[in-house]
Structure formats: C-alpha cells, structure tokens
C-alpha cells in the first residue's frame, strides 16, 4: 500500500471505473497518440478531451501529459491535488507493458525543461524569481512568494495557475504540493525583499525543512545554508 493510500484511506472514494478500463482504451489508441505526438499534432479534440474523459471515469481530477521521445512518456498528474496522488500511482502501477511507452505517476521535477506558455504569457526561470515570506505566528510553515516580471493584478488567477503548473514541472508535482505550505504570486517590480533565482528554490526549501524538523535532507549545494540569513525578512503584503 502506498504512503498516500495509507494517509487518506478510507477518506477517499473508490474509483468509478477500474484501471483496466482505462488501459484497454489506451492500448486501442496508443498508436495514434504516438503519431500525433511525433508530428506535433496533439489536439484538444483527439487527445486531451477523450483522455480527460477516460481518466475522470477512474478518478475526477486526473490529467495527462505526453512527452515525445523514445520511449514516449505518458504522465498522469493531479495538478498538485494531494488526495489524488494515490489514484495516479495505482493507475500507473496497473499499466500494461507496451513497447515504446513509459508511464509515470505525478509530474517529475525537470529543472531544465525550459519554459511554458499559459494564456499568452511565458513562464520560465528567466522571468520568475522567489523570496521567502515568514510569519512569526507560524514558524514551521514554508511560505514562498514567486515573482513574475510581466505580472498583472487584473490577471492574477491566470498567473497563479501558470506559476503552479510551472512549479509542478520545475520542482516535481509531489515535492511542490507537499513541501510548500503556502505559495503567493506577485509582480517583481517594487518588491523590497531580495529576489532569488528559481535555481535556488529547491535547495532553500530543503534547508528550511531541515531547520524546521531537524532532519537532514540531501541538497544540491551545501552553501544554501547561507539562506538562513533571510529568516525574519518579509516582503510586502499581497
């Protein structure tokens, strides 16, 4: 039994349809999905809509991403909904062996994956940064503010959604959902706090989590301990 099933069972509903139903359908269409991905012709009508319908029959809220390559990779994601993690994991665990395909539960972290477009806006580690925002009333919480160079307050929800999707790919879906207690999105202009590059975000979070719990976590750069000087700094309220 997975960690997520132990955590939420029996508080999550049973799937409406079994994983076999989804994989039987997928096997019938996998060749056309491969062809569409290889030619850059994945469409809402022929891939995304039917995929969401079939995934929703198993558990509402599951989505899928397709990464061309050899093997082709299908990623089952919950867009950061922790209660759905167990269903993504169990669906992938039930996947059949299909030559040329790889199946992954939850978006893995890909720090070098590049950028993404969302509602006409580019999200990348080149136009975004972060700073920690601590609340003395909740010293054990990790609160992160992500700043975007092109942020507009009248499109706040679009920027929040874009940042969250980017973070799932950049940090990894499970890491972003579990390790960050509160995520805020703001513009980069007029921020008094020191804005740090996103390349330092994961190490900062691990260092803070270690500081909070007393447990040592593997980090990419031991020099990240210097971030402790940021404790107590807060940015403007958002």
Foldseek 3Di string as FASTA:
>chain_A
DDPLCVVCPPVDDAQQDDLVVVQVVCVVCVVVVLVCVVVVNDDCVPPFVVQQVSVVSGPHQWGWDWDDDQQIEIEIANLQDSNCQVVLVVSQVPHDDDHSYDYYYFAAADQPPAWDAFPNDIDHLVFKFKDWADDPVCLLATEMEIAGQPDDPVCQVRVVSRVSVVCCHHHNSVCVNPQHPYYHYYHPPPKPDDTHGPVCVVVLSQLSNCVNPVDHDDHPDPVSVVCVVCPPDHIDDD
